[in-house]
């Protein structure tokens, strides 16, 4: 749930530094720590120029002190494409680290985890894969 949010700096009519803090779910003894996001956001809001979009990536700003676990948005894109007079297709593509891992961790470890996940998906389609009765 959104706890706080603010525009830290407006860079142009279609670009800003945006900060928000999410409150974790759970009761007071077992609740998750606050999740902080500091983003450089840019958007295209003129439908005559093509599809509308909102793109975000994590950034740093000297005026913002860390208030929780700093999540890292590697890339986030919301794409809105008109498909008719009253219909719009919304596509969201995002790569996020909500645990505050370092960029070094992502360089060394996340690729291996992703490759292992893709291999598991591939193997699930092989003829050797059997359904289990649970």
C-alpha atoms as a PDB file:
ATOM      1  CA  UNK A   1       0.000   0.000   0.000  1.00  0.00           C
ATOM      2  CA  UNK A   2       1.167   3.495  -0.811  1.00  0.00           C
ATOM      3  CA  UNK A   3       2.499   5.178   2.318  1.00  0.00           C
ATOM      4  CA  UNK A   4       3.979   8.402   0.879  1.00  0.00           C
ATOM      5  CA  UNK A   5       4.788   9.850  -2.546  1.00  0.00           C
ATOM      6  CA  UNK A   6       6.303  13.038  -3.954  1.00  0.00           C
ATOM      7  CA  UNK A   7       7.736  14.580  -7.090  1.00  0.00           C
ATOM      8  CA  UNK A   8      11.312  15.402  -6.051  1.00  0.00           C
ATOM      9  CA  UNK A   9      12.321  17.354  -9.145  1.00  0.00           C
ATOM     10  CA  UNK A  10      10.639  18.255 -12.437  1.00  0.00           C
ATOM     11  CA  UNK A  11      13.242  18.060 -15.201  1.00  0.00           C
ATOM     12  CA  UNK A  12      11.019  18.906 -18.194  1.00  0.00           C
ATOM     13  CA  UNK A  13       7.366  18.779 -19.223  1.00  0.00           C
ATOM     14  CA  UNK A  14       7.668  15.009 -19.693  1.00  0.00           C
ATOM     15  CA  UNK A  15      10.385  13.974 -17.213  1.00  0.00           C
ATOM     16  CA  UNK A  16      10.650  13.999 -13.420  1.00  0.00           C
ATOM     17  CA  UNK A  17      12.313  12.391 -10.423  1.00  0.00           C
ATOM     18  CA  UNK A  18       9.549  10.656  -8.462  1.00  0.00           C
ATOM     19  CA  UNK A  19       9.793   9.076  -5.002  1.00  0.00           C
ATOM     20  CA  UNK A  20       7.354   6.791  -3.228  1.00  0.00           C
ATOM     21  CA  UNK A  21       7.264   4.580  -0.168  1.00  0.00           C
ATOM     22  CA  UNK A  22       5.204   1.388   0.096  1.00  0.00           C
ATOM     23  CA  UNK A  23       4.105  -0.054   3.420  1.00  0.00           C
ATOM     24  CA  UNK A  24       4.548  -3.818   3.720  1.00  0.00           C
ATOM     25  CA  UNK A  25       1.640  -6.108   4.456  1.00  0.00           C
ATOM     26  CA  UNK A  26       1.200  -7.974   7.707  1.00  0.00           C
ATOM     27  CA  UNK A  27       0.655  -7.290  11.368  1.00  0.00           C
ATOM     28  CA  UNK A  28       3.000  -5.143  13.443  1.00  0.00           C
ATOM     29  CA  UNK A  29       5.181  -8.026  14.669  1.00  0.00           C
ATOM     30  CA  UNK A  30       5.696  -9.694  11.308  1.00  0.00           C
ATOM     31  CA  UNK A  31       5.229  -6.844   8.882  1.00  0.00           C
ATOM     32  CA  UNK A  32       7.616  -6.237   6.043  1.00  0.00           C
ATOM     33  CA  UNK A  33       9.870  -3.164   6.120  1.00  0.00           C
ATOM     34  CA  UNK A  34       9.013  -0.084   4.090  1.00  0.00           C
ATOM     35  CA  UNK A  35       9.900  -0.376   0.408  1.00  0.00           C
ATOM     36  CA  UNK A  36      11.320   2.795  -1.120  1.00  0.00           C
ATOM     37  CA  UNK A  37      11.402   3.665  -4.830  1.00  0.00           C
ATOM     38  CA  UNK A  38      13.241   6.620  -6.374  1.00  0.00           C
ATOM     39  CA  UNK A  39      12.588   6.807 -10.100  1.00  0.00           C
ATOM     40  CA  UNK A  40      13.463   8.834 -13.135  1.00  0.00           C
ATOM     41  CA  UNK A  41      10.157   8.860 -15.028  1.00  0.00           C
ATOM     42  CA  UNK A  42       9.537   9.961 -18.585  1.00  0.00           C
ATOM     43  CA  UNK A  43       6.356   9.768 -20.620  1.00  0.00           C
ATOM     44  CA  UNK A  44       4.716  10.427 -23.962  1.00  0.00           C
ATOM     45  CA  UNK A  45       1.254  11.884 -23.409  1.00  0.00           C
ATOM     46  CA  UNK A  46       0.393  13.209 -26.873  1.00  0.00           C
ATOM     47  CA  UNK A  47      -1.707  10.579 -28.690  1.00  0.00           C
ATOM     48  CA  UNK A  48      -1.013  12.210 -32.072  1.00  0.00           C
ATOM     49  CA  UNK A  49       2.679  11.242 -31.685  1.00  0.00           C
ATOM     50  CA  UNK A  50       1.969   7.514 -31.340  1.00  0.00           C
ATOM     51  CA  UNK A  51       1.247   5.199 -28.412  1.00  0.00           C
ATOM     52  CA  UNK A  52       1.261   6.684 -24.922  1.00  0.00           C
ATOM     53  CA  UNK A  53       3.892   5.405 -22.502  1.00  0.00           C
ATOM     54  CA  UNK A  54       5.360   5.848 -19.052  1.00  0.00           C
ATOM     55  CA  UNK A  55       8.931   4.645 -18.619  1.00  0.00           C
ATOM     56  CA  UNK A  56      10.797   4.451 -15.291  1.00  0.00           C
ATOM     57  CA  UNK A  57      14.235   3.492 -14.052  1.00  0.00           C
ATOM     58  CA  UNK A  58      15.782   3.788 -10.585  1.00  0.00           C
ATOM     59  CA  UNK A  59      18.026   6.752  -9.944  1.00  0.00           C
ATOM     60  CA  UNK A  60      19.818   8.558  -7.126  1.00  0.00           C
ATOM     61  CA  UNK A  61      19.152  12.083  -5.872  1.00  0.00           C
ATOM     62  CA  UNK A  62      21.152  14.042  -3.266  1.00  0.00           C
ATOM     63  CA  UNK A  63      18.012  15.401  -1.548  1.00  0.00           C
ATOM     64  CA  UNK A  64      16.520  11.959  -0.763  1.00  0.00           C
ATOM     65  CA  UNK A  65      17.572   9.969   2.304  1.00  0.00           C
ATOM     66  CA  UNK A  66      16.887   6.213   2.353  1.00  0.00           C
ATOM     67  CA  UNK A  67      13.807   5.493   4.514  1.00  0.00           C
ATOM     68  CA  UNK A  68      13.396   1.754   4.010  1.00  0.00           C
ATOM     69  CA  UNK A  69      14.714  -0.927   1.729  1.00  0.00           C
ATOM     70  CA  UNK A  70      15.563   0.799  -1.549  1.00  0.00           C
ATOM     71  CA  UNK A  71      14.000  -1.220  -4.351  1.00  0.00           C
ATOM     72  CA  UNK A  72      15.746  -1.122  -7.693  1.00  0.00           C
ATOM     73  CA  UNK A  73      13.681  -0.769 -10.865  1.00  0.00           C
ATOM     74  CA  UNK A  74      15.982  -1.897 -13.671  1.00  0.00           C
ATOM     75  CA  UNK A  75      13.340  -0.948 -16.217  1.00  0.00           C
ATOM     76  CA  UNK A  76       9.606  -0.376 -16.231  1.00  0.00           C
ATOM     77  CA  UNK A  77       7.415   0.470 -19.196  1.00  0.00           C
ATOM     78  CA  UNK A  78       3.664   1.036 -19.375  1.00  0.00           C
ATOM     79  CA  UNK A  79       2.510   1.152 -22.991  1.00  0.00           C
ATOM     80  CA  UNK A  80      -1.040   2.255 -23.875  1.00  0.00           C
ATOM     81  CA  UNK A  81      -2.128   1.507 -27.432  1.00  0.00           C
ATOM     82  CA  UNK A  82      -5.555   2.516 -28.756  1.00  0.00           C
ATOM     83  CA  UNK A  83      -7.321  -0.511 -30.278  1.00  0.00           C
ATOM     84  CA  UNK A  84     -10.633   1.148 -31.105  1.00  0.00           C
ATOM     85  CA  UNK A  85     -12.736   4.157 -30.261  1.00  0.00           C
ATOM     86  CA  UNK A  86     -13.271   3.155 -26.616  1.00  0.00           C
ATOM     87  CA  UNK A  87     -10.685   0.410 -26.086  1.00  0.00           C
ATOM     88  CA  UNK A  88      -7.015   0.569 -25.161  1.00  0.00           C
ATOM     89  CA  UNK A  89      -4.445  -2.195 -24.768  1.00  0.00           C
ATOM     90  CA  UNK A  90      -2.225  -1.785 -21.703  1.00  0.00           C
ATOM     91  CA  UNK A  91       1.132  -3.578 -21.617  1.00  0.00           C
ATOM     92  CA  UNK A  92       3.419  -3.448 -18.581  1.00  0.00           C
ATOM     93  CA  UNK A  93       6.985  -4.783 -18.750  1.00  0.00           C
ATOM     94  CA  UNK A  94       9.072  -4.489 -15.614  1.00  0.00           C
ATOM     95  CA  UNK A  95      12.277  -5.809 -14.058  1.00  0.00           C
ATOM     96  CA  UNK A  96      12.453  -4.980 -10.360  1.00  0.00           C
ATOM     97  CA  UNK A  97      14.530  -5.967  -7.343  1.00  0.00           C
ATOM     98  CA  UNK A  98      12.484  -5.376  -4.187  1.00  0.00           C
ATOM     99  CA  UNK A  99      15.131  -6.724  -1.813  1.00  0.00           C
ATOM    100  CA  UNK A 100      17.712  -3.975  -2.220  1.00  0.00           C
ATOM    101  CA  UNK A 101      20.423  -6.139  -3.755  1.00  0.00           C
ATOM    102  CA  UNK A 102      23.464  -4.455  -5.243  1.00  0.00           C
ATOM    103  CA  UNK A 103      24.141  -4.022  -8.935  1.00  0.00           C
ATOM    104  CA  UNK A 104      27.127  -6.357  -8.454  1.00  0.00           C
ATOM    105  CA  UNK A 105      24.771  -9.108  -7.216  1.00  0.00           C
ATOM    106  CA  UNK A 106      22.645  -8.723 -10.335  1.00  0.00           C
ATOM    107  CA  UNK A 107      25.728  -8.877 -12.552  1.00  0.00           C
ATOM    108  CA  UNK A 108      27.043 -12.044 -10.889  1.00  0.00           C
ATOM    109  CA  UNK A 109      23.954 -14.015  -9.781  1.00  0.00           C
ATOM    110  CA  UNK A 110      20.672 -13.010 -11.401  1.00  0.00           C
ATOM    111  CA  UNK A 111      21.635 -14.195 -14.892  1.00  0.00           C
ATOM    112  CA  UNK A 112      22.299 -17.696 -13.571  1.00  0.00           C
ATOM    113  CA  UNK A 113      18.958 -17.753 -11.725  1.00  0.00           C
ATOM    114  CA  UNK A 114      17.134 -16.582 -14.849  1.00  0.00           C
ATOM    115  CA  UNK A 115      18.882 -19.212 -16.987  1.00  0.00           C
ATOM    116  CA  UNK A 116      17.939 -21.950 -14.495  1.00  0.00           C
ATOM    117  CA  UNK A 117      14.299 -20.794 -14.571  1.00  0.00           C
ATOM    118  CA  UNK A 118      14.247 -20.818 -18.374  1.00  0.00           C
ATOM    119  CA  UNK A 119      15.760 -24.318 -18.442  1.00  0.00           C
ATOM    120  CA  UNK A 120      13.070 -25.511 -16.012  1.00  0.00           C
ATOM    121  CA  UNK A 121      10.366 -24.091 -18.264  1.00  0.00           C
ATOM    122  CA  UNK A 122      11.954 -25.729 -21.320  1.00  0.00           C
ATOM    123  CA  UNK A 123      12.262 -29.073 -19.519  1.00  0.00           C
ATOM    124  CA  UNK A 124       8.611 -28.942 -18.450  1.00  0.00           C
ATOM    125  CA  UNK A 125       7.643 -29.326 -22.131  1.00  0.00           C
ATOM    126  CA  UNK A 126       9.808 -32.398 -22.740  1.00  0.00           C
ATOM    127  CA  UNK A 127       8.255 -35.847 -23.112  1.00  0.00           C
ATOM    128  CA  UNK A 128      10.163 -37.039 -20.019  1.00  0.00           C
ATOM    129  CA  UNK A 129       8.189 -34.667 -17.822  1.00  0.00           C
ATOM    130  CA  UNK A 130       5.398 -36.485 -15.981  1.00  0.00           C
ATOM    131  CA  UNK A 131       2.490 -35.011 -14.093  1.00  0.00           C
ATOM    132  CA  UNK A 132       2.320 -35.960 -10.448  1.00  0.00           C
ATOM    133  CA  UNK A 133      -0.784 -36.734  -8.436  1.00  0.00           C
ATOM    134  CA  UNK A 134      -0.797 -34.548  -5.381  1.00  0.00           C
END
